Amino acid sequence: MNDPVSLFAIPIARFGAATLTSGHLVLMAGIIVVVLLVSLIVLLARASRARVYAAAEAEQRMRELSRTQAELHGRLGTMAEIFGSRQAELTKALSERLDGMTSRLGNSITEQTKSTHENLSKLQERLAVIDTAQNNIQSLAGQVVQLQQILSNKQTRGAFGQARMEAIIADGLPPNSYEFQATLTNGYRPDCLIRMPNGAPSLVIDAKFPLEAWNAIRAAAESEGGGEAKRSAEAAFRRDIETHIKAIAEKYLLNGETQETAFMFVPSESIFAEIHENFEALVQRAHRARVVIVSPSLLMLSIQVIQAVLKDARMREQAHLIQSEVAKLMLDVSRLDDRVRKLQGHFFSAQKDVELILTSADKVTKRGNRIEALELGPSEAEERQKVPDRELEPSAASLGSGQLRLRVVDE
């Protein structure tokens, strides 16, 4: 068993009729080792020859490189001389151009600075205008947001319509001719009750206009492909308005207590116009139910008409007082006429006395002028003799009373 020959004869594998033994494997391994050694020797020989060839080629390249470097050094010297002369010329040309450009840039910068200053002044003015407009826009945006918040809440929206209606009525009617949230005999409380004159039934105004379906219509119109949604929203809006009209007619139209017609207040002119343009059936239904749809402008016009009616009623109520006051006024006018006529007589008498006084003053002036000129003729002496002495002497009664009477004699 320990014989080497027997070891090499151990079968390992069988391929048909041929048997592979361990000796065959050893022989094959030896052949492979020999082939590898031969290949290694060949490779080493080739590598040594390649190194020799590379060294020779490198040496040749070094010689060519040295020669090329010498040529390059000479060319660089020549180029340095050329570049030196060219650099001097270029420096001179650049300095001249820089001086010209500096002058032009200085003038241009001065003009540009002036233009920039003017543009900045204009820009500041425009920015001030823009800031003012932006503040206005921000304020308007805040108001729009507040209005949107108001309209998004049902209770707040009702208060908004109520506030607009109350403001219009309070501006146009006296306080004792209307009442807000008054209670009717059936227990319902309309938003406003206007008392008509002469015991006529009161007029009812309702301000609780439904806006949910209207907002849905606008949202559907703004959305893309919302034709079906818009039709659905319009149907809901029509249904809400019909329900509201029916509720007003049933709750607020009471025979003998309220007018045969009630007002449904719409707090927006655009909604009012949209209803009359696209929902004519609702307007006809409201007319048949004796409910009038009014906008802020129509309510204001109606309030002015009611104000004229109330004023006419008050004037008729006060007609007898006006007549008595007119009679008293006529008596005062008659009394004033009598007094004016008496005053006119006094004026005429005083005017006559003034005329007589002026006549006497003229005569006295003429006599004074004659005395000053010493024009005393015979005719004047005779006139003096004709005048009785008693006319020139004061009477005893006059002296006793302390009064002196002088008589002026005409010519």
Protein backbone atom coordinates (compact mmCIF):
# COMPACT_ATOMS: atom_id res chain seq x y z
CA MET A 1 0.00 0.00 0.00
CA ASN A 2 2.95 2.29 0.65
CA ASP A 3 4.47 1.73 -2.78
CA PRO A 4 4.82 5.03 -4.72
CA VAL A 5 3.76 3.39 -7.93
CA SER A 6 0.54 2.29 -6.33
CA LEU A 7 -0.04 5.83 -5.17
CA PHE A 8 0.13 7.17 -8.75
CA ALA A 9 -2.19 4.39 -9.89
CA ILE A 10 -5.11 5.39 -7.64
CA PRO A 11 -8.10 6.06 -9.87
CA ILE A 12 -9.79 9.44 -9.40
CA ALA A 13 -12.36 9.69 -12.14
CA ARG A 14 -13.67 7.61 -15.02
CA PHE A 15 -14.63 8.99 -18.46
CA GLY A 16 -16.21 6.19 -20.36
CA ALA A 17 -13.48 3.55 -20.97
CA ALA A 18 -10.68 5.88 -19.83
CA THR A 19 -9.70 6.10 -16.20
CA LEU A 20 -8.12 9.26 -14.69
CA THR A 21 -5.54 8.46 -12.00
CA SER A 22 -3.51 10.55 -9.56
CA GLY A 23 -0.43 10.09 -11.67
CA HIS A 24 -2.18 11.69 -14.59
CA LEU A 25 -3.02 14.70 -12.37
CA VAL A 26 0.57 15.00 -11.18
CA LEU A 27 1.81 14.86 -14.76
CA MET A 28 -0.64 17.50 -15.84
CA ALA A 29 0.37 19.75 -12.92
CA GLY A 30 4.02 19.38 -13.84
CA ILE A 31 3.31 20.31 -17.43
CA ILE A 32 1.39 23.40 -16.32
CA VAL A 33 4.22 24.46 -14.01
CA VAL A 34 6.76 24.07 -16.80
CA VAL A 35 4.58 26.13 -19.18
CA LEU A 36 4.19 28.87 -16.59
CA LEU A 37 7.93 29.00 -15.98
CA VAL A 38 8.64 29.24 -19.69
CA SER A 39 6.04 32.02 -20.06
CA LEU A 40 7.56 33.89 -17.12
CA ILE A 41 11.03 33.66 -18.60
CA VAL A 42 9.76 34.94 -21.95
CA LEU A 43 7.96 37.81 -20.32
CA LEU A 44 11.01 38.77 -18.31
CA ALA A 45 13.15 38.74 -21.45
CA ARG A 46 10.69 40.89 -23.31
CA ALA A 47 10.48 43.32 -20.36
CA SER A 48 14.26 43.69 -20.25
CA ARG A 49 14.37 44.37 -23.99
CA ALA A 50 11.55 46.91 -23.62
CA ARG A 51 13.42 48.69 -20.84
CA VAL A 52 16.48 48.89 -23.01
CA TYR A 53 14.48 50.28 -25.91
CA ALA A 54 12.72 52.74 -23.56
CA ALA A 55 15.98 53.98 -22.11
CA ALA A 56 17.40 54.57 -25.57
CA GLU A 57 14.25 56.29 -26.73
CA ALA A 58 14.19 58.44 -23.55
CA GLU A 59 17.78 59.46 -24.10
CA GLN A 60 17.03 60.43 -27.69
CA ARG A 61 13.99 62.42 -26.55
CA MET A 62 16.11 64.20 -23.93
CA ARG A 63 18.56 65.26 -26.61
CA GLU A 64 15.72 66.53 -28.83
CA LEU A 65 14.18 68.28 -25.82
CA SER A 66 17.47 70.01 -25.02
CA ARG A 67 17.81 71.18 -28.60
CA THR A 68 14.19 72.38 -28.64
CA GLN A 69 14.73 74.19 -25.30
CA ALA A 70 17.74 76.03 -26.71
CA GLU A 71 15.74 77.10 -29.75
CA LEU A 72 12.85 78.15 -27.52
CA HIS A 73 15.17 80.19 -25.32
CA GLY A 74 16.42 82.07 -28.34
CA ARG A 75 12.94 82.69 -29.63
CA LEU A 76 11.82 83.85 -26.17
CA GLY A 77 14.63 86.38 -26.08
CA THR A 78 13.61 87.73 -29.46
CA MET A 79 9.98 87.84 -28.44
CA ALA A 80 10.93 89.62 -25.19
CA GLU A 81 12.63 92.36 -27.16
CA ILE A 82 9.67 92.65 -29.51
CA PHE A 83 7.23 92.64 -26.60
CA GLY A 84 9.27 95.31 -24.81
CA SER A 85 9.05 97.71 -27.75
CA ARG A 86 5.42 96.88 -28.35
CA GLN A 87 4.63 97.29 -24.63
CA ALA A 88 6.07 100.81 -24.62
CA GLU A 89 3.94 101.75 -27.62
CA LEU A 90 0.91 100.09 -26.09
CA THR A 91 1.48 101.84 -22.77
CA LYS A 92 1.68 105.23 -24.52
CA ALA A 93 -1.47 104.53 -26.57
CA LEU A 94 -3.31 103.26 -23.50
CA SER A 95 -2.32 106.32 -21.48
CA GLU A 96 -3.61 108.63 -24.22
CA ARG A 97 -6.83 106.69 -24.56
CA LEU A 98 -7.24 106.54 -20.79
CA ASP A 99 -6.84 110.33 -20.57
CA GLY A 100 -9.51 110.81 -23.24
CA MET A 101 -11.77 108.25 -21.67
CA THR A 102 -11.24 109.84 -18.24
CA SER A 103 -12.32 113.22 -19.59
CA ARG A 104 -15.33 111.77 -21.36
CA LEU A 105 -16.22 109.65 -18.33
CA GLY A 106 -15.99 112.71 -16.08
CA ASN A 107 -18.39 114.66 -18.29
CA SER A 108 -20.65 111.65 -18.68
CA ILE A 109 -20.63 110.95 -14.92
CA THR A 110 -21.51 114.60 -14.21
CA GLU A 111 -24.41 114.51 -16.64
CA GLN A 112 -25.45 111.09 -15.40
CA THR A 113 -25.32 112.30 -11.78
CA LYS A 114 -27.52 115.25 -12.63
CA SER A 115 -29.94 113.07 -14.55
CA THR A 116 -29.92 110.48 -11.76
CA HIS A 117 -30.67 113.18 -9.18
CA GLU A 118 -33.62 114.41 -11.24
CA ASN A 119 -34.85 110.87 -11.76
CA LEU A 120 -34.52 110.14 -8.05
CA SER A 121 -36.53 113.26 -7.23
CA LYS A 122 -39.25 112.17 -9.63
CA LEU A 123 -39.01 108.64 -8.28
CA GLN A 124 -39.43 109.89 -4.71
CA GLU A 125 -42.52 111.85 -5.74
CA ARG A 126 -43.95 108.80 -7.48
CA LEU A 127 -43.06 106.62 -4.50
CA ALA A 128 -44.90 109.05 -2.24
CA VAL A 129 -47.93 108.79 -4.52
CA ILE A 130 -47.54 105.01 -4.59
CA ASP A 131 -47.27 104.90 -0.78
CA THR A 132 -50.45 106.94 -0.47
CA ALA A 133 -52.20 104.68 -2.97
CA GLN A 134 -50.87 101.61 -1.17
CA ASN A 135 -52.17 102.91 2.15
CA ASN A 136 -55.54 103.51 0.53
CA ILE A 137 -55.47 100.04 -0.99
CA GLN A 138 -54.53 98.49 2.34
CA SER A 139 -57.32 100.38 4.07
CA LEU A 140 -59.75 99.33 1.33
CA ALA A 141 -58.51 95.74 1.59
CA GLY A 142 -59.09 95.80 5.32
CA GLN A 143 -62.59 97.12 4.78
CA VAL A 144 -63.22 94.45 2.14
CA VAL A 145 -61.98 91.79 4.54
CA GLN A 146 -64.27 93.15 7.25
CA LEU A 147 -67.16 93.17 4.79
CA GLN A 148 -66.32 89.60 3.75
CA GLN A 149 -66.25 88.54 7.39
CA ILE A 150 -69.59 90.22 7.90
CA LEU A 151 -71.11 88.54 4.87
CA SER A 152 -69.69 85.13 5.82
CA ASN A 153 -71.67 85.06 9.08
CA LYS A 154 -75.42 84.71 8.74
CA GLN A 155 -76.27 86.62 11.91
CA THR A 156 -73.73 89.34 11.18
CA ARG A 157 -75.01 89.58 7.59
CA GLY A 158 -78.54 90.07 8.87
CA ALA A 159 -77.28 92.79 11.19
CA PHE A 160 -75.51 94.42 8.22
CA GLY A 161 -78.75 94.60 6.18
CA GLN A 162 -80.64 95.74 9.28
CA ALA A 163 -78.09 98.50 9.92
CA ARG A 164 -78.31 99.80 6.34
CA MET A 165 -82.11 99.82 6.46
CA GLU A 166 -82.16 101.55 9.87
CA ALA A 167 -79.71 104.22 8.66
CA ILE A 168 -81.85 105.05 5.61
CA ILE A 169 -85.08 105.23 7.65
CA ALA A 170 -83.54 107.21 10.54
CA ASP A 171 -82.15 109.78 8.07
CA GLY A 172 -85.48 110.31 6.33
CA LEU A 173 -88.24 110.06 8.98
CA PRO A 174 -88.87 111.62 12.38
CA PRO A 175 -88.31 109.30 15.38
CA ASN A 176 -91.99 109.04 16.32
CA SER A 177 -93.08 107.79 12.88
CA TYR A 178 -91.29 104.39 12.88
CA GLU A 179 -90.31 101.58 15.24
CA PHE A 180 -87.70 98.82 14.86
CA GLN A 181 -88.45 95.26 15.99
CA ALA A 182 -92.07 96.12 16.86
CA THR A 183 -94.36 93.28 17.90
CA LEU A 184 -97.53 92.64 15.89
CA THR A 185 -100.74 91.17 17.24
CA ASN A 186 -99.82 87.75 15.89
CA GLY A 187 -96.57 87.78 17.89
CA TYR A 188 -94.17 88.27 14.97
CA ARG A 189 -91.63 91.09 15.01
CA PRO A 190 -90.78 92.72 11.65
CA ASP A 191 -87.49 94.55 11.24
CA CYS A 192 -89.20 97.93 10.84
CA LEU A 193 -92.75 99.24 11.20
CA ILE A 194 -93.56 102.66 9.72
CA ARG A 195 -96.65 104.32 11.22
CA MET A 196 -98.81 105.97 8.57
CA PRO A 197 -100.85 109.13 9.31
CA ASN A 198 -104.61 109.52 9.80
CA GLY A 199 -104.95 106.10 11.45
CA ALA A 200 -103.89 104.21 8.30
CA PRO A 201 -102.30 100.75 8.74
CA SER A 202 -98.55 100.62 9.25
CA LEU A 203 -96.02 99.66 6.58
CA VAL A 204 -93.76 96.61 7.22
CA ILE A 205 -90.14 96.42 6.02
CA ASP A 206 -88.17 93.16 6.19
CA ALA A 207 -84.33 93.26 5.98
CA LYS A 208 -83.47 89.55 6.43
CA PHE A 209 -82.52 88.87 2.80
CA PRO A 210 -80.95 85.38 2.26
CA LEU A 211 -77.48 85.68 0.73
CA GLU A 212 -76.15 82.12 1.07
CA ALA A 213 -77.46 80.92 -2.30
CA TRP A 214 -76.36 84.20 -3.95
CA ASN A 215 -72.81 83.68 -2.72
CA ALA A 216 -73.00 80.11 -4.02
CA ILE A 217 -74.00 81.44 -7.47
CA ARG A 218 -71.01 83.76 -7.56
CA ALA A 219 -68.64 81.00 -6.39
CA ALA A 220 -69.96 78.65 -9.09
CA ALA A 221 -69.62 81.34 -11.78
CA GLU A 222 -65.97 81.99 -10.82
CA SER A 223 -65.02 78.30 -10.78
CA GLU A 224 -63.98 76.46 -13.97
CA GLY A 225 -66.55 74.13 -15.51
CA GLY A 226 -69.19 75.10 -12.98
CA GLY A 227 -72.22 75.13 -15.29
CA GLU A 228 -74.06 72.44 -13.40
CA ALA A 229 -73.06 73.94 -10.04
CA LYS A 230 -74.27 77.36 -11.17
CA ARG A 231 -77.66 75.98 -12.23
CA SER A 232 -77.97 74.19 -8.92
CA ALA A 233 -77.06 77.37 -7.02
CA GLU A 234 -79.59 79.40 -9.04
CA ALA A 235 -82.30 76.87 -8.23
CA ALA A 236 -81.40 77.06 -4.50
CA PHE A 237 -81.41 80.88 -4.65
CA ARG A 238 -84.82 80.89 -6.36
CA ARG A 239 -86.18 78.47 -3.75
CA ASP A 240 -84.85 80.55 -0.82
CA ILE A 241 -86.33 83.78 -2.20
CA GLU A 242 -89.72 82.17 -2.78
CA THR A 243 -89.71 80.81 0.77
CA HIS A 244 -88.78 84.22 2.17
CA ILE A 245 -91.50 85.99 0.14
CA LYS A 246 -94.07 83.49 1.37
CA ALA A 247 -92.95 83.98 4.99
CA ILE A 248 -93.27 87.79 4.68
CA ALA A 249 -96.76 87.52 3.19
CA GLU A 250 -97.95 85.10 5.88
CA LYS A 251 -96.39 86.83 8.90
CA TYR A 252 -96.59 90.56 8.21
CA LEU A 253 -99.66 91.17 5.99
CA LEU A 254 -102.43 91.55 8.58
CA ASN A 255 -105.79 93.02 7.57
CA GLY A 256 -106.46 96.31 9.34
CA GLU A 257 -103.11 96.33 11.16
CA THR A 258 -100.54 96.57 8.37
CA GLN A 259 -100.61 97.80 4.79
CA GLU A 260 -101.64 95.44 2.02
CA THR A 261 -98.07 95.63 0.71
CA ALA A 262 -94.79 94.89 2.51
CA PHE A 263 -91.20 95.77 1.55
CA MET A 264 -88.41 93.18 1.23
CA PHE A 265 -85.13 95.10 1.54
CA VAL A 266 -82.14 93.96 -0.57
CA PRO A 267 -78.94 95.53 0.86
CA SER A 268 -77.12 95.65 -2.51
CA GLU A 269 -77.92 97.42 -5.77
CA SER A 270 -76.07 94.77 -7.81
CA ILE A 271 -78.12 91.92 -6.31
CA PHE A 272 -81.32 93.90 -6.90
CA ALA A 273 -80.38 94.43 -10.57
CA GLU A 274 -79.40 90.75 -10.97
CA ILE A 275 -82.77 89.63 -9.57
CA HIS A 276 -84.72 91.85 -12.00
CA GLU A 277 -82.53 90.82 -14.92
CA ASN A 278 -82.19 87.04 -14.48
CA PHE A 279 -84.99 86.13 -12.02
CA GLU A 280 -88.03 87.88 -13.43
CA ALA A 281 -90.28 85.07 -12.16
CA LEU A 282 -89.31 85.90 -8.57
CA VAL A 283 -90.29 89.53 -9.10
CA GLN A 284 -93.68 88.48 -10.51
CA ARG A 285 -94.21 86.05 -7.63
CA ALA A 286 -93.40 88.77 -5.10
CA HIS A 287 -95.83 91.10 -6.86
CA ARG A 288 -98.60 88.51 -6.66
CA ALA A 289 -97.81 87.99 -2.97
CA ARG A 290 -98.00 91.80 -2.44
CA VAL A 291 -94.33 91.99 -1.49
CA VAL A 292 -92.19 94.72 -3.10
CA ILE A 293 -88.46 94.04 -3.51
CA VAL A 294 -86.59 97.30 -2.84
CA SER A 295 -82.93 98.27 -3.06
CA PRO A 296 -81.28 100.99 -0.91
CA SER A 297 -82.03 103.68 -3.51
CA LEU A 298 -85.68 102.60 -3.92
CA LEU A 299 -86.14 102.43 -0.15
CA MET A 300 -84.71 105.94 0.13
CA LEU A 301 -87.14 107.18 -2.54
CA SER A 302 -90.06 105.48 -0.77
CA ILE A 303 -89.02 107.06 2.52
CA GLN A 304 -89.01 110.49 0.86
CA VAL A 305 -92.54 109.90 -0.42
CA ILE A 306 -93.68 108.79 3.06
CA GLN A 307 -91.97 111.85 4.52
CA ALA A 308 -93.97 114.11 2.17
CA VAL A 309 -97.19 112.31 3.17
CA LEU A 310 -96.40 112.73 6.87
CA LYS A 311 -95.58 116.40 6.37
CA ASP A 312 -98.88 116.97 4.51
CA ALA A 313 -100.78 115.20 7.31
CA ARG A 314 -99.11 117.33 9.96
CA MET A 315 -99.95 120.48 8.01
CA ARG A 316 -103.61 119.42 7.77
CA GLU A 317 -103.69 118.68 11.50
CA GLN A 318 -102.33 122.14 12.23
CA ALA A 319 -104.52 123.96 9.65
CA HIS A 320 -106.79 125.63 12.28
CA LEU A 321 -103.75 126.82 14.20
CA ILE A 322 -102.30 128.21 11.01
CA GLN A 323 -105.57 130.04 10.27
CA SER A 324 -105.73 131.59 13.75
CA GLU A 325 -102.11 132.66 13.50
CA VAL A 326 -102.81 134.19 10.07
CA ALA A 327 -105.79 136.13 11.51
CA LYS A 328 -103.62 137.46 14.33
CA LEU A 329 -100.99 138.34 11.79
CA MET A 330 -103.57 140.31 9.75
CA LEU A 331 -104.59 142.26 12.88
CA ASP A 332 -100.98 143.07 13.56
CA VAL A 333 -100.56 144.19 9.95
CA SER A 334 -103.67 146.43 10.21
CA ARG A 335 -102.41 147.94 13.46
CA LEU A 336 -99.03 148.50 11.87
CA ASP A 337 -100.70 150.25 8.92
CA ASP A 338 -102.55 152.64 11.24
CA ARG A 339 -99.40 153.48 13.11
CA VAL A 340 -97.47 154.02 9.90
CA ARG A 341 -100.19 156.39 8.64
CA LYS A 342 -100.05 158.35 11.91
CA LEU A 343 -96.30 158.52 11.65
CA GLN A 344 -96.68 159.72 8.07
CA GLY A 345 -98.95 162.58 9.29
CA HIS A 346 -96.35 163.53 11.88
CA PHE A 347 -93.74 163.50 9.18
CA PHE A 348 -95.82 165.75 6.92
CA SER A 349 -96.45 168.22 9.80
CA ALA A 350 -92.80 168.24 10.74
CA GLN A 351 -91.86 168.76 7.11
CA LYS A 352 -94.22 171.75 6.87
CA ASP A 353 -92.75 173.24 10.06
CA VAL A 354 -89.26 172.70 8.70
CA GLU A 355 -90.20 174.49 5.48
CA LEU A 356 -91.56 177.47 7.47
CA ILE A 357 -88.40 177.53 9.58
CA LEU A 358 -86.28 177.51 6.42
CA THR A 359 -88.35 180.42 4.99
CA SER A 360 -87.84 182.45 8.17
CA ALA A 361 -84.14 181.60 8.20
CA ASP A 362 -83.81 182.86 4.61
CA LYS A 363 -85.48 186.14 5.52
CA VAL A 364 -83.28 186.60 8.56
CA THR A 365 -80.25 185.93 6.41
CA LYS A 366 -81.29 188.51 3.84
CA ARG A 367 -81.88 191.16 6.51
CA GLY A 368 -78.56 190.39 8.06
CA ASN A 369 -76.88 190.85 4.72
CA ARG A 370 -78.65 194.20 4.25
CA ILE A 371 -77.62 195.40 7.68
CA GLU A 372 -74.06 194.35 7.02
CA ALA A 373 -74.08 196.34 3.75
CA LEU A 374 -75.75 199.33 5.44
CA GLU A 375 -78.44 199.49 2.84
CA LEU A 376 -81.01 201.46 4.79
CA GLY A 377 -83.22 203.45 2.40
CA PRO A 378 -86.34 205.63 2.98
CA SER A 379 -88.66 202.81 2.27
CA GLU A 380 -87.18 200.81 5.09
CA ALA A 381 -87.52 203.71 7.56
CA GLU A 382 -91.17 204.00 6.60
CA GLU A 383 -91.65 200.31 7.20
CA ARG A 384 -90.09 200.70 10.60
CA GLN A 385 -92.50 203.54 11.41
CA LYS A 386 -95.41 201.39 10.27
CA VAL A 387 -94.56 198.69 12.74
CA PRO A 388 -96.44 199.31 16.02
CA ASP A 389 -94.37 199.73 19.12
CA ARG A 390 -96.41 197.12 20.94
CA GLU A 391 -95.28 194.49 18.47
CA LEU A 392 -91.65 195.20 19.35
CA GLU A 393 -92.15 195.37 23.11
CA PRO A 394 -92.73 192.23 25.12
CA SER A 395 -96.04 191.91 26.86
CA ALA A 396 -96.37 191.83 30.63
CA ALA A 397 -97.62 188.29 30.52
CA SER A 398 -94.64 187.30 28.46
CA LEU A 399 -92.28 189.01 30.84
CA GLY A 400 -93.98 187.41 33.76
CA SER A 401 -93.69 183.99 32.22
CA GLY A 402 -90.06 184.47 31.30
CA GLN A 403 -90.70 184.03 27.56
CA LEU A 404 -89.87 186.56 24.87
CA ARG A 405 -91.82 186.56 21.62
CA LEU A 406 -90.49 188.35 18.57
CA ARG A 407 -92.42 188.91 15.41
CA VAL A 408 -90.69 188.82 12.12
CA VAL A 409 -92.22 191.23 9.67
CA ASP A 410 -92.29 190.17 6.07
CA GLU A 411 -91.12 192.56 3.37
